[in-house]
Amino acid sequence: MVDRNLTLDDLENWRWAQDLYPDLSLGCPQPDTDYAQIGTQGFKFLLTYEGVIYDYRVSADGNTVILCS
């Protein structure tokens, strides 16, 4: 795997939305993981690169970033 810095110009499409998620999973719970049941502000970023859509979730404070698959 090669690390590469991308810019918005490299993406075929991108969009984002702000949401209030019901817990700290940011709408993307992982198996065998418990999450505090507290309303959490966050963002959903959908990035399309080389025909693949990447769904990232980011907490509003920036402390949590999840690649939701």
PDB file of N, CA and C in Angstrom:
ATOM      1  N   MET A   1       0.842  -1.176   0.000  1.00  0.00           N
ATOM      2  CA  MET A   1       0.000   0.000   0.000  1.00  0.00           C
ATOM      3  C   MET A   1       0.889   1.242   0.000  1.00  0.00           C
ATOM      4  N   VAL A   2       0.556   2.165  -0.848  1.00  0.00           N
ATOM      5  CA  VAL A   2       1.337   3.386  -0.983  1.00  0.00           C
ATOM      6  C   VAL A   2       0.539   4.548  -0.389  1.00  0.00           C
ATOM      7  N   ASP A   3       1.167   5.296   0.498  1.00  0.00           N
ATOM      8  CA  ASP A   3       0.528   6.501   1.029  1.00  0.00           C
ATOM      9  C   ASP A   3       0.560   7.574  -0.038  1.00  0.00           C
ATOM     10  N   ARG A   4      -0.549   8.290  -0.160  1.00  0.00           N
ATOM     11  CA  ARG A   4      -0.619   9.359  -1.149  1.00  0.00           C
ATOM     12  C   ARG A   4      -1.470  10.480  -0.590  1.00  0.00           C
ATOM     13  N   ASN A   5      -1.001  11.677  -0.735  1.00  0.00           N
ATOM     14  CA  ASN A   5      -1.794  12.836  -0.348  1.00  0.00           C
ATOM     15  C   ASN A   5      -2.737  13.183  -1.484  1.00  0.00           C
ATOM     16  N   LEU A   6      -4.007  13.309  -1.168  1.00  0.00           N
ATOM     17  CA  LEU A   6      -5.016  13.655  -2.157  1.00  0.00           C
ATOM     18  C   LEU A   6      -5.577  15.038  -1.866  1.00  0.00           C
ATOM     19  N   THR A   7      -6.042  15.680  -2.905  1.00  0.00           N
ATOM     20  CA  THR A   7      -6.768  16.940  -2.745  1.00  0.00           C
ATOM     21  C   THR A   7      -8.173  16.728  -3.287  1.00  0.00           C
ATOM     22  N   LEU A   8      -9.038  17.686  -3.069  1.00  0.00           N
ATOM     23  CA  LEU A   8     -10.397  17.575  -3.594  1.00  0.00           C
ATOM     24  C   LEU A   8     -10.396  17.437  -5.112  1.00  0.00           C
ATOM     25  N   ASP A   9      -9.397  17.990  -5.783  1.00  0.00           N
ATOM     26  CA  ASP A   9      -9.304  17.881  -7.239  1.00  0.00           C
ATOM     27  C   ASP A   9      -9.058  16.442  -7.701  1.00  0.00           C
ATOM     28  N   ASP A  10      -8.506  15.596  -6.819  1.00  0.00           N
ATOM     29  CA  ASP A  10      -8.251  14.198  -7.161  1.00  0.00           C
ATOM     30  C   ASP A  10      -9.501  13.331  -7.067  1.00  0.00           C
ATOM     31  N   LEU A  11     -10.526  13.827  -6.382  1.00  0.00           N
ATOM     32  CA  LEU A  11     -11.734  13.039  -6.153  1.00  0.00           C
ATOM     33  C   LEU A  11     -12.706  13.179  -7.312  1.00  0.00           C
ATOM     34  N   GLU A  12     -13.402  12.089  -7.606  1.00  0.00           N
ATOM     35  CA  GLU A  12     -14.437  12.131  -8.625  1.00  0.00           C
ATOM     36  C   GLU A  12     -15.691  12.834  -8.105  1.00  0.00           C
ATOM     37  N   ASN A  13     -15.938  12.679  -6.811  1.00  0.00           N
ATOM     38  CA  ASN A  13     -17.097  13.285  -6.173  1.00  0.00           C
ATOM     39  C   ASN A  13     -16.836  13.344  -4.673  1.00  0.00           C
ATOM     40  N   TRP A  14     -17.463  14.273  -4.011  1.00  0.00           N
ATOM     41  CA  TRP A  14     -17.399  14.331  -2.562  1.00  0.00           C
ATOM     42  C   TRP A  14     -18.603  15.107  -2.059  1.00  0.00           C
ATOM     43  N   ARG A  15     -19.013  14.744  -0.852  1.00  0.00           N
ATOM     44  CA  ARG A  15     -20.094  15.476  -0.183  1.00  0.00           C
ATOM     45  C   ARG A  15     -19.978  15.220   1.307  1.00  0.00           C
ATOM     46  N   TRP A  16     -20.634  16.069   2.059  1.00  0.00           N
ATOM     47  CA  TRP A  16     -20.586  15.919   3.500  1.00  0.00           C
ATOM     48  C   TRP A  16     -21.922  16.357   4.088  1.00  0.00           C
ATOM     49  N   ALA A  17     -22.182  15.887   5.300  1.00  0.00           N
ATOM     50  CA  ALA A  17     -23.388  16.274   6.025  1.00  0.00           C
ATOM     51  C   ALA A  17     -23.073  16.274   7.509  1.00  0.00           C
ATOM     52  N   GLN A  18     -23.692  17.192   8.216  1.00  0.00           N
ATOM     53  CA  GLN A  18     -23.563  17.233   9.671  1.00  0.00           C
ATOM     54  C   GLN A  18     -24.768  16.528  10.258  1.00  0.00           C
ATOM     55  N   ASP A  19     -24.561  15.801  11.359  1.00  0.00           N
ATOM     56  CA  ASP A  19     -25.657  15.054  11.954  1.00  0.00           C
ATOM     57  C   ASP A  19     -25.455  14.940  13.456  1.00  0.00           C
ATOM     58  N   LEU A  20     -26.533  14.602  14.149  1.00  0.00           N
ATOM     59  CA  LEU A  20     -26.463  14.287  15.570  1.00  0.00           C
ATOM     60  C   LEU A  20     -26.676  12.787  15.679  1.00  0.00           C
ATOM     61  N   TYR A  21     -25.644  12.069  16.076  1.00  0.00           N
ATOM     62  CA  TYR A  21     -25.704  10.618  16.181  1.00  0.00           C
ATOM     63  C   TYR A  21     -26.130  10.239  17.596  1.00  0.00           C
ATOM     64  N   PRO A  22     -26.843   9.109  17.749  1.00  0.00           N
ATOM     65  CA  PRO A  22     -27.356   8.735  19.072  1.00  0.00           C
ATOM     66  C   PRO A  22     -26.303   8.227  20.055  1.00  0.00           C
ATOM     67  N   ASP A  23     -25.104   7.901  19.533  1.00  0.00           N
ATOM     68  CA  ASP A  23     -24.049   7.411  20.422  1.00  0.00           C
ATOM     69  C   ASP A  23     -22.682   7.715  19.810  1.00  0.00           C
ATOM     70  N   LEU A  24     -21.641   7.306  20.507  1.00  0.00           N
ATOM     71  CA  LEU A  24     -20.279   7.623  20.076  1.00  0.00           C
ATOM     72  C   LEU A  24     -19.782   6.807  18.877  1.00  0.00           C
ATOM     73  N   SER A  25     -20.612   5.899  18.354  1.00  0.00           N
ATOM     74  CA  SER A  25     -20.211   5.142  17.160  1.00  0.00           C
ATOM     75  C   SER A  25     -20.342   5.987  15.898  1.00  0.00           C
ATOM     76  N   LEU A  26     -20.957   7.153  15.988  1.00  0.00           N
ATOM     77  CA  LEU A  26     -21.165   8.055  14.853  1.00  0.00           C
ATOM     78  C   LEU A  26     -21.915   7.363  13.714  1.00  0.00           C
ATOM     79  N   GLY A  27     -22.851   6.462  14.101  1.00  0.00           N
ATOM     80  CA  GLY A  27     -23.660   5.776  13.099  1.00  0.00           C
ATOM     81  C   GLY A  27     -22.944   4.643  12.395  1.00  0.00           C
ATOM     82  N   CYS A  28     -21.799   4.244  12.919  1.00  0.00           N
ATOM     83  CA  CYS A  28     -21.011   3.184  12.299  1.00  0.00           C
ATOM     84  C   CYS A  28     -20.485   2.232  13.385  1.00  0.00           C
ATOM     85  N   PRO A  29     -21.398   1.520  14.060  1.00  0.00           N
ATOM     86  CA  PRO A  29     -20.959   0.656  15.164  1.00  0.00           C
ATOM     87  C   PRO A  29     -20.102  -0.509  14.672  1.00  0.00           C
ATOM     88  N   GLN A  30     -19.101  -0.837  15.442  1.00  0.00           N
ATOM     89  CA  GLN A  30     -18.206  -1.953  15.142  1.00  0.00           C
ATOM     90  C   GLN A  30     -18.615  -3.144  16.007  1.00  0.00           C
ATOM     91  N   PRO A  31     -18.467  -4.371  15.496  1.00  0.00           N
ATOM     92  CA  PRO A  31     -18.836  -5.562  16.268  1.00  0.00           C
ATOM     93  C   PRO A  31     -18.073  -5.632  17.587  1.00  0.00           C
ATOM     94  N   ASP A  32     -18.749  -6.137  18.592  1.00  0.00           N
ATOM     95  CA  ASP A  32     -18.148  -6.371  19.919  1.00  0.00           C
ATOM     96  C   ASP A  32     -17.601  -5.102  20.560  1.00  0.00           C
ATOM     97  N   THR A  33     -18.188  -3.960  20.259  1.00  0.00           N
ATOM     98  CA  THR A  33     -17.754  -2.698  20.840  1.00  0.00           C
ATOM     99  C   THR A  33     -18.953  -2.005  21.470  1.00  0.00           C
ATOM    100  N   ASP A  34     -18.790  -1.565  22.703  1.00  0.00           N
ATOM    101  CA  ASP A  34     -19.840  -0.814  23.388  1.00  0.00           C
ATOM    102  C   ASP A  34     -19.566   0.671  23.237  1.00  0.00           C
ATOM    103  N   TYR A  35     -20.632   1.442  23.100  1.00  0.00           N
ATOM    104  CA  TYR A  35     -20.505   2.883  22.912  1.00  0.00           C
ATOM    105  C   TYR A  35     -21.366   3.605  23.937  1.00  0.00           C
ATOM    106  N   ALA A  36     -20.833   4.697  24.460  1.00  0.00           N
ATOM    107  CA  ALA A  36     -21.616   5.532  25.378  1.00  0.00           C
ATOM    108  C   ALA A  36     -22.840   6.038  24.626  1.00  0.00           C
ATOM    109  N   GLN A  37     -24.001   5.902  25.259  1.00  0.00           N
ATOM    110  CA  GLN A  37     -25.257   6.312  24.639  1.00  0.00           C
ATOM    111  C   GLN A  37     -25.495   7.797  24.918  1.00  0.00           C
ATOM    112  N   ILE A  38     -24.724   8.617  24.250  1.00  0.00           N
ATOM    113  CA  ILE A  38     -24.808  10.061  24.420  1.00  0.00           C
ATOM    114  C   ILE A  38     -24.874  10.691  23.028  1.00  0.00           C
ATOM    115  N   GLY A  39     -25.786  11.618  22.845  1.00  0.00           N
ATOM    116  CA  GLY A  39     -25.897  12.307  21.567  1.00  0.00           C
ATOM    117  C   GLY A  39     -24.565  12.941  21.189  1.00  0.00           C
ATOM    118  N   THR A  40     -24.111  12.667  19.975  1.00  0.00           N
ATOM    119  CA  THR A  40     -22.785  13.112  19.547  1.00  0.00           C
ATOM    120  C   THR A  40     -22.877  13.830  18.204  1.00  0.00           C
ATOM    121  N   GLN A  41     -22.459  15.076  18.178  1.00  0.00           N
ATOM    122  CA  GLN A  41     -22.415  15.827  16.925  1.00  0.00           C
ATOM    123  C   GLN A  41     -21.260  15.308  16.077  1.00  0.00           C
ATOM    124  N   GLY A  42     -21.517  15.166  14.789  1.00  0.00           N
ATOM    125  CA  GLY A  42     -20.446  14.700  13.927  1.00  0.00           C
ATOM    126  C   GLY A  42     -20.749  14.988  12.464  1.00  0.00           C
ATOM    127  N   PHE A  43     -19.848  14.531  11.619  1.00  0.00           N
ATOM    128  CA  PHE A  43     -19.938  14.757  10.190  1.00  0.00           C
ATOM    129  C   PHE A  43     -19.758  13.438   9.453  1.00  0.00           C
ATOM    130  N   LYS A  44     -20.432  13.325   8.320  1.00  0.00           N
ATOM    131  CA  LYS A  44     -20.273  12.189   7.421  1.00  0.00           C
ATOM    132  C   LYS A  44     -19.700  12.734   6.122  1.00  0.00           C
ATOM    133  N   PHE A  45     -18.544  12.223   5.741  1.00  0.00           N
ATOM    134  CA  PHE A  45     -17.890  12.617   4.493  1.00  0.00           C
ATOM    135  C   PHE A  45     -17.893  11.424   3.545  1.00  0.00           C
ATOM    136  N   LEU A  46     -18.470  11.600   2.362  1.00  0.00           N
ATOM    137  CA  LEU A  46     -18.445  10.566   1.333  1.00  0.00           C
ATOM    138  C   LEU A  46     -17.514  11.035   0.225  1.00  0.00           C
ATOM    139  N   LEU A  47     -16.421  10.307   0.052  1.00  0.00           N
ATOM    140  CA  LEU A  47     -15.390  10.664  -0.921  1.00  0.00           C
ATOM    141  C   LEU A  47     -15.310   9.560  -1.969  1.00  0.00           C
ATOM    142  N   THR A  48     -15.384   9.901  -3.246  1.00  0.00           N
ATOM    143  CA  THR A  48     -15.273   8.913  -4.314  1.00  0.00           C
ATOM    144  C   THR A  48     -13.927   9.089  -5.001  1.00  0.00           C
ATOM    145  N   TYR A  49     -13.144   8.015  -4.967  1.00  0.00           N
ATOM    146  CA  TYR A  49     -11.814   8.015  -5.572  1.00  0.00           C
ATOM    147  C   TYR A  49     -11.641   6.712  -6.338  1.00  0.00           C
ATOM    148  N   GLU A  50     -11.306   6.826  -7.603  1.00  0.00           N
ATOM    149  CA  GLU A  50     -11.121   5.677  -8.491  1.00  0.00           C
ATOM    150  C   GLU A  50     -12.308   4.715  -8.412  1.00  0.00           C
ATOM    151  N   GLY A  51     -13.522   5.281  -8.418  1.00  0.00           N
ATOM    152  CA  GLY A  51     -14.746   4.488  -8.436  1.00  0.00           C
ATOM    153  C   GLY A  51     -15.163   3.886  -7.110  1.00  0.00           C
ATOM    154  N   VAL A  52     -14.407   4.125  -6.050  1.00  0.00           N
ATOM    155  CA  VAL A  52     -14.712   3.581  -4.726  1.00  0.00           C
ATOM    156  C   VAL A  52     -15.191   4.717  -3.825  1.00  0.00           C
ATOM    157  N   ILE A  53     -16.305   4.473  -3.119  1.00  0.00           N
ATOM    158  CA  ILE A  53     -16.820   5.470  -2.186  1.00  0.00           C
ATOM    159  C   ILE A  53     -16.285   5.156  -0.796  1.00  0.00           C
ATOM    160  N   TYR A  54     -15.650   6.146  -0.187  1.00  0.00           N
ATOM    161  CA  TYR A  54     -15.133   6.032   1.174  1.00  0.00           C
ATOM    162  C   TYR A  54     -16.027   6.857   2.085  1.00  0.00           C
ATOM    163  N   ASP A  55     -16.549   6.216   3.125  1.00  0.00           N
ATOM    164  CA  ASP A  55     -17.473   6.848   4.068  1.00  0.00           C
ATOM    165  C   ASP A  55     -16.727   7.083   5.376  1.00  0.00           C
ATOM    166  N   TYR A  56     -16.365   8.322   5.625  1.00  0.00           N
ATOM    167  CA  TYR A  56     -15.667   8.682   6.856  1.00  0.00           C
ATOM    168  C   TYR A  56     -16.624   9.382   7.798  1.00  0.00           C
ATOM    169  N   ARG A  57     -16.534   9.078   9.080  1.00  0.00           N
ATOM    170  CA  ARG A  57     -17.298   9.759  10.117  1.00  0.00           C
ATOM    171  C   ARG A  57     -16.297  10.461  11.032  1.00  0.00           C
ATOM    172  N   VAL A  58     -16.583  11.702  11.345  1.00  0.00           N
ATOM    173  CA  VAL A  58     -15.681  12.512  12.164  1.00  0.00           C
ATOM    174  C   VAL A  58     -16.499  13.200  13.244  1.00  0.00           C
ATOM    175  N   SER A  59     -16.069  13.061  14.489  1.00  0.00           N
ATOM    176  CA  SER A  59     -16.752  13.766  15.568  1.00  0.00           C
ATOM    177  C   SER A  59     -16.513  15.264  15.423  1.00  0.00           C
ATOM    178  N   ALA A  60     -17.454  16.056  15.915  1.00  0.00           N
ATOM    179  CA  ALA A  60     -17.364  17.511  15.775  1.00  0.00           C
ATOM    180  C   ALA A  60     -16.107  18.071  16.428  1.00  0.00           C
ATOM    181  N   ASP A  61     -15.621  17.410  17.485  1.00  0.00           N
ATOM    182  CA  ASP A  61     -14.404  17.892  18.147  1.00  0.00           C
ATOM    183  C   ASP A  61     -13.143  17.421  17.440  1.00  0.00           C
ATOM    184  N   GLY A  62     -13.287  16.553  16.419  1.00  0.00           N
ATOM    185  CA  GLY A  62     -12.135  16.074  15.661  1.00  0.00           C
ATOM    186  C   GLY A  62     -11.343  14.970  16.337  1.00  0.00           C
ATOM    187  N   ASN A  63     -11.774  14.512  17.508  1.00  0.00           N
ATOM    188  CA  ASN A  63     -11.030  13.470  18.227  1.00  0.00           C
ATOM    189  C   ASN A  63     -11.260  12.069  17.693  1.00  0.00           C
ATOM    190  N   THR A  64     -12.366  11.862  16.985  1.00  0.00           N
ATOM    191  CA  THR A  64     -12.689  10.536  16.467  1.00  0.00           C
ATOM    192  C   THR A  64     -12.873  10.596  14.965  1.00  0.00           C
ATOM    193  N   VAL A  65     -12.157   9.723  14.252  1.00  0.00           N
ATOM    194  CA  VAL A  65     -12.312   9.576  12.803  1.00  0.00           C
ATOM    195  C   VAL A  65     -12.469   8.088  12.531  1.00  0.00           C
ATOM    196  N   ILE A  66     -13.556   7.734  11.830  1.00  0.00           N
ATOM    197  CA  ILE A  66     -13.852   6.325  11.553  1.00  0.00           C
ATOM    198  C   ILE A  66     -14.042   6.148  10.055  1.00  0.00           C
ATOM    199  N   LEU A  67     -13.384   5.164   9.475  1.00  0.00           N
ATOM    200  CA  LEU A  67     -13.687   4.753   8.111  1.00  0.00           C
ATOM    201  C   LEU A  67     -14.788   3.726   8.232  1.00  0.00           C
ATOM    202  N   CYS A  68     -15.990   4.093   7.843  1.00  0.00           N
ATOM    203  CA  CYS A  68     -17.174   3.248   7.974  1.00  0.00           C
ATOM    204  C   CYS A  68     -17.305   2.410   6.713  1.00  0.00           C
ATOM    205  N   SER A  69     -17.220   1.093   6.868  1.00  0.00           N
ATOM    206  CA  SER A  69     -17.301   0.236   5.680  1.00  0.00           C
ATOM    207  C   SER A  69     -18.521  -0.642   5.735  1.00  0.00           C
TER     208      SER A  69
END
